[in-house]
Amino acid sequence: MPEDRRKANLVLRAVAKLMDFLLIAAAMQAIPQVGYIAGVVYLLISDGLFDGRSIGKKIIRLRVISVPGESSGTFRDSMIRNLTLAVPLLLLYIPFFGWIFMAAALALEFLLLLGNEEGMRLGDDLAQTKVIEG
């Protein structure tokens, strides 16, 4: 694998995703009526922005690529790969269950990410994508 196509560091991925979740939380607080939906929509399409980079990934210098052709992630790729996080986010406001479901989804994604040699989480496997540095 060329140097610029190496898998992204786990800590860098976590920081980039945290930045994206902070943007989502800010939208949810700033515009209570539509911020929640705007946050979910951003999460779904975020990795199709900026040539396969969400805002967090752009700042941290990571990129989503499609595995078969190693082209930049598209909006379609982003929606498929982030569906595993968007559904728990949609359920977040269900008392108790929403938080448990979100924590379980994040834990599952993290464990799958740790156990995959290519650094692919469930969303990456579904979308046939991976996150690289560069």
C-alpha atoms as a PDB file:
ATOM      1  CA  MET A   1       0.000   0.000   0.000  1.00  0.00           C
ATOM      2  CA  PRO A   2       1.491   3.392  -0.940  1.00  0.00           C
ATOM      3  CA  GLU A   3       2.529   5.625   1.940  1.00  0.00           C
ATOM      4  CA  ASP A   4      -0.313   8.098   1.341  1.00  0.00           C
ATOM      5  CA  ARG A   5      -2.861   5.225   1.376  1.00  0.00           C
ATOM      6  CA  ARG A   6      -2.087   3.793   4.812  1.00  0.00           C
ATOM      7  CA  LYS A   7      -4.902   3.173   7.241  1.00  0.00           C
ATOM      8  CA  ALA A   8      -5.701   5.999   9.608  1.00  0.00           C
ATOM      9  CA  ASN A   9      -4.533   5.959  13.204  1.00  0.00           C
ATOM     10  CA  LEU A  10      -7.308   4.971  15.614  1.00  0.00           C
ATOM     11  CA  VAL A  11      -6.765   8.002  17.871  1.00  0.00           C
ATOM     12  CA  LEU A  12      -6.913  10.384  14.902  1.00  0.00           C
ATOM     13  CA  ARG A  13     -10.145   8.754  13.721  1.00  0.00           C
ATOM     14  CA  ALA A  14     -11.654   9.098  17.199  1.00  0.00           C
ATOM     15  CA  VAL A  15     -10.687  12.781  17.411  1.00  0.00           C
ATOM     16  CA  ALA A  16     -12.130  13.493  13.952  1.00  0.00           C
ATOM     17  CA  LYS A  17     -15.417  11.735  14.823  1.00  0.00           C
ATOM     18  CA  LEU A  18     -15.554  13.576  18.157  1.00  0.00           C
ATOM     19  CA  MET A  19     -15.229  16.882  16.284  1.00  0.00           C
ATOM     20  CA  ASP A  20     -18.107  15.860  14.017  1.00  0.00           C
ATOM     21  CA  PHE A  21     -20.249  14.871  17.013  1.00  0.00           C
ATOM     22  CA  LEU A  22     -19.469  18.234  18.652  1.00  0.00           C
ATOM     23  CA  LEU A  23     -20.736  19.977  15.492  1.00  0.00           C
ATOM     24  CA  ILE A  24     -23.873  17.842  15.633  1.00  0.00           C
ATOM     25  CA  ALA A  25     -24.389  18.674  19.321  1.00  0.00           C
ATOM     26  CA  ALA A  26     -23.901  22.384  18.569  1.00  0.00           C
ATOM     27  CA  ALA A  27     -26.524  22.226  15.799  1.00  0.00           C
ATOM     28  CA  MET A  28     -28.921  20.423  18.124  1.00  0.00           C
ATOM     29  CA  GLN A  29     -28.523  23.139  20.774  1.00  0.00           C
ATOM     30  CA  ALA A  30     -28.400  26.182  18.479  1.00  0.00           C
ATOM     31  CA  ILE A  31     -31.534  25.385  16.492  1.00  0.00           C
ATOM     32  CA  PRO A  32     -33.708  23.181  18.727  1.00  0.00           C
ATOM     33  CA  GLN A  33     -36.541  22.765  16.231  1.00  0.00           C
ATOM     34  CA  VAL A  34     -34.492  21.494  13.294  1.00  0.00           C
ATOM     35  CA  GLY A  35     -30.991  21.094  14.708  1.00  0.00           C
ATOM     36  CA  TYR A  36     -31.599  17.464  15.611  1.00  0.00           C
ATOM     37  CA  ILE A  37     -32.548  16.527  12.053  1.00  0.00           C
ATOM     38  CA  ALA A  38     -29.780  18.733  10.639  1.00  0.00           C
ATOM     39  CA  GLY A  39     -27.299  16.896  12.855  1.00  0.00           C
ATOM     40  CA  VAL A  40     -28.481  13.481  11.666  1.00  0.00           C
ATOM     41  CA  VAL A  41     -28.372  14.628   8.029  1.00  0.00           C
ATOM     42  CA  TYR A  42     -24.855  16.013   8.536  1.00  0.00           C
ATOM     43  CA  LEU A  43     -23.754  12.707  10.075  1.00  0.00           C
ATOM     44  CA  LEU A  44     -25.149  10.797   7.100  1.00  0.00           C
ATOM     45  CA  ILE A  45     -23.550  12.940   4.373  1.00  0.00           C
ATOM     46  CA  SER A  46     -20.462  14.244   6.197  1.00  0.00           C
ATOM     47  CA  ASP A  47     -17.926  11.818   4.725  1.00  0.00           C
ATOM     48  CA  GLY A  48     -19.017  12.745   1.200  1.00  0.00           C
ATOM     49  CA  LEU A  49     -18.043  16.369   1.713  1.00  0.00           C
ATOM     50  CA  PHE A  50     -14.630  17.806   0.825  1.00  0.00           C
ATOM     51  CA  ASP A  51     -13.413  14.929  -1.355  1.00  0.00           C
ATOM     52  CA  GLY A  52     -14.291  12.166   1.123  1.00  0.00           C
ATOM     53  CA  ARG A  53     -13.746  14.211   4.274  1.00  0.00           C
ATOM     54  CA  SER A  54     -16.118  15.323   6.981  1.00  0.00           C
ATOM     55  CA  ILE A  55     -15.213  18.575   8.710  1.00  0.00           C
ATOM     56  CA  GLY A  56     -13.496  16.612  11.494  1.00  0.00           C
ATOM     57  CA  LYS A  57     -11.573  14.467   9.015  1.00  0.00           C
ATOM     58  CA  LYS A  58     -10.569  17.532   6.994  1.00  0.00           C
ATOM     59  CA  ILE A  59      -9.091  19.179  10.113  1.00  0.00           C
ATOM     60  CA  ILE A  60      -7.286  15.984  11.194  1.00  0.00           C
ATOM     61  CA  ARG A  61      -6.228  15.189   7.593  1.00  0.00           C
ATOM     62  CA  LEU A  62      -8.024  11.891   7.128  1.00  0.00           C
ATOM     63  CA  ARG A  63     -10.049  10.722   4.154  1.00  0.00           C
ATOM     64  CA  VAL A  64     -12.655   8.084   3.345  1.00  0.00           C
ATOM     65  CA  ILE A  65     -11.964   6.057   0.215  1.00  0.00           C
ATOM     66  CA  SER A  66     -13.948   3.431  -1.604  1.00  0.00           C
ATOM     67  CA  VAL A  67     -12.099   0.113  -1.237  1.00  0.00           C
ATOM     68  CA  PRO A  68     -12.589  -1.349  -4.724  1.00  0.00           C
ATOM     69  CA  GLY A  69     -11.233   1.630  -6.679  1.00  0.00           C
ATOM     70  CA  GLU A  70      -9.583   3.704  -3.941  1.00  0.00           C
ATOM     71  CA  SER A  71     -11.530   6.738  -5.136  1.00  0.00           C
ATOM     72  CA  SER A  72     -12.727   9.366  -2.668  1.00  0.00           C
ATOM     73  CA  GLY A  73     -15.810   8.554  -0.638  1.00  0.00           C
ATOM     74  CA  THR A  74     -19.105   9.724  -2.117  1.00  0.00           C
ATOM     75  CA  PHE A  75     -22.328  10.878  -0.486  1.00  0.00           C
ATOM     76  CA  ARG A  76     -23.716   7.372  -1.072  1.00  0.00           C
ATOM     77  CA  ASP A  77     -20.699   5.813   0.653  1.00  0.00           C
ATOM     78  CA  SER A  78     -21.089   8.258   3.526  1.00  0.00           C
ATOM     79  CA  MET A  79     -24.770   7.499   4.024  1.00  0.00           C
ATOM     80  CA  ILE A  80     -24.198   3.752   4.068  1.00  0.00           C
ATOM     81  CA  ARG A  81     -21.137   3.854   6.344  1.00  0.00           C
ATOM     82  CA  ASN A  82     -22.692   6.278   8.829  1.00  0.00           C
ATOM     83  CA  LEU A  83     -26.098   4.606   9.005  1.00  0.00           C
ATOM     84  CA  THR A  84     -24.769   2.496  11.886  1.00  0.00           C
ATOM     85  CA  LEU A  85     -24.279   5.727  13.867  1.00  0.00           C
ATOM     86  CA  ALA A  86     -27.246   7.727  12.545  1.00  0.00           C
ATOM     87  CA  VAL A  87     -29.877   5.209  13.659  1.00  0.00           C
ATOM     88  CA  PRO A  88     -28.679   5.274  17.300  1.00  0.00           C
ATOM     89  CA  LEU A  89     -28.553   9.081  17.097  1.00  0.00           C
ATOM     90  CA  LEU A  90     -32.165   9.132  15.928  1.00  0.00           C
ATOM     91  CA  LEU A  91     -33.135   6.998  18.931  1.00  0.00           C
ATOM     92  CA  LEU A  92     -31.111   9.072  21.409  1.00  0.00           C
ATOM     93  CA  TYR A  93     -34.117  10.916  22.820  1.00  0.00           C
ATOM     94  CA  ILE A  94     -35.922   7.758  23.874  1.00  0.00           C
ATOM     95  CA  PRO A  95     -35.490   7.795  27.650  1.00  0.00           C
ATOM     96  CA  PHE A  96     -32.822   5.400  28.900  1.00  0.00           C
ATOM     97  CA  PHE A  97     -33.056   3.039  25.887  1.00  0.00           C
ATOM     98  CA  GLY A  98     -31.704   5.686  23.490  1.00  0.00           C
ATOM     99  CA  TRP A  99     -28.537   6.234  25.501  1.00  0.00           C
ATOM    100  CA  ILE A 100     -28.002   2.493  25.998  1.00  0.00           C
ATOM    101  CA  PHE A 101     -28.471   1.854  22.273  1.00  0.00           C
ATOM    102  CA  MET A 102     -26.047   4.666  21.351  1.00  0.00           C
ATOM    103  CA  ALA A 103     -23.404   3.406  23.799  1.00  0.00           C
ATOM    104  CA  ALA A 104     -23.813  -0.170  22.516  1.00  0.00           C
ATOM    105  CA  ALA A 105     -23.539   0.932  18.873  1.00  0.00           C
ATOM    106  CA  LEU A 106     -20.391   2.976  19.564  1.00  0.00           C
ATOM    107  CA  ALA A 107     -18.847   0.115  21.565  1.00  0.00           C
ATOM    108  CA  LEU A 108     -19.621  -2.401  18.795  1.00  0.00           C
ATOM    109  CA  GLU A 109     -18.161  -0.143  16.102  1.00  0.00           C
ATOM    110  CA  PHE A 110     -15.043   0.465  18.214  1.00  0.00           C
ATOM    111  CA  LEU A 111     -14.500  -3.242  18.910  1.00  0.00           C
ATOM    112  CA  LEU A 112     -14.930  -4.135  15.242  1.00  0.00           C
ATOM    113  CA  LEU A 113     -12.515  -1.355  14.308  1.00  0.00           C
ATOM    114  CA  LEU A 114      -9.921  -2.685  16.755  1.00  0.00           C
ATOM    115  CA  GLY A 115     -10.273  -6.250  15.493  1.00  0.00           C
ATOM    116  CA  ASN A 116     -10.062  -5.468  11.779  1.00  0.00           C
ATOM    117  CA  GLU A 117      -6.615  -5.532  10.182  1.00  0.00           C
ATOM    118  CA  GLU A 118      -7.615  -2.860   7.654  1.00  0.00           C
ATOM    119  CA  GLY A 119      -9.134  -0.620  10.334  1.00  0.00           C
ATOM    120  CA  MET A 120     -12.669  -1.039   9.013  1.00  0.00           C
ATOM    121  CA  ARG A 121     -15.701  -0.742  11.282  1.00  0.00           C
ATOM    122  CA  LEU A 122     -19.141  -2.216  10.505  1.00  0.00           C
ATOM    123  CA  GLY A 123     -20.134   0.901   8.554  1.00  0.00           C
ATOM    124  CA  ASP A 124     -16.971   0.592   6.442  1.00  0.00           C
ATOM    125  CA  ASP A 125     -17.682  -3.073   5.736  1.00  0.00           C
ATOM    126  CA  LEU A 126     -21.239  -2.249   4.634  1.00  0.00           C
ATOM    127  CA  ALA A 127     -20.126   0.628   2.392  1.00  0.00           C
ATOM    128  CA  GLN A 128     -16.875  -0.981   1.217  1.00  0.00           C
ATOM    129  CA  THR A 129     -14.860   2.005   2.429  1.00  0.00           C
ATOM    130  CA  LYS A 130     -11.906   2.672   4.688  1.00  0.00           C
ATOM    131  CA  VAL A 131     -10.310   5.700   6.302  1.00  0.00           C
ATOM    132  CA  ILE A 132      -6.777   6.637   5.354  1.00  0.00           C
ATOM    133  CA  GLU A 133      -4.332   9.348   6.305  1.00  0.00           C
ATOM    134  CA  GLY A 134      -3.752  12.095   3.797  1.00  0.00           C
END
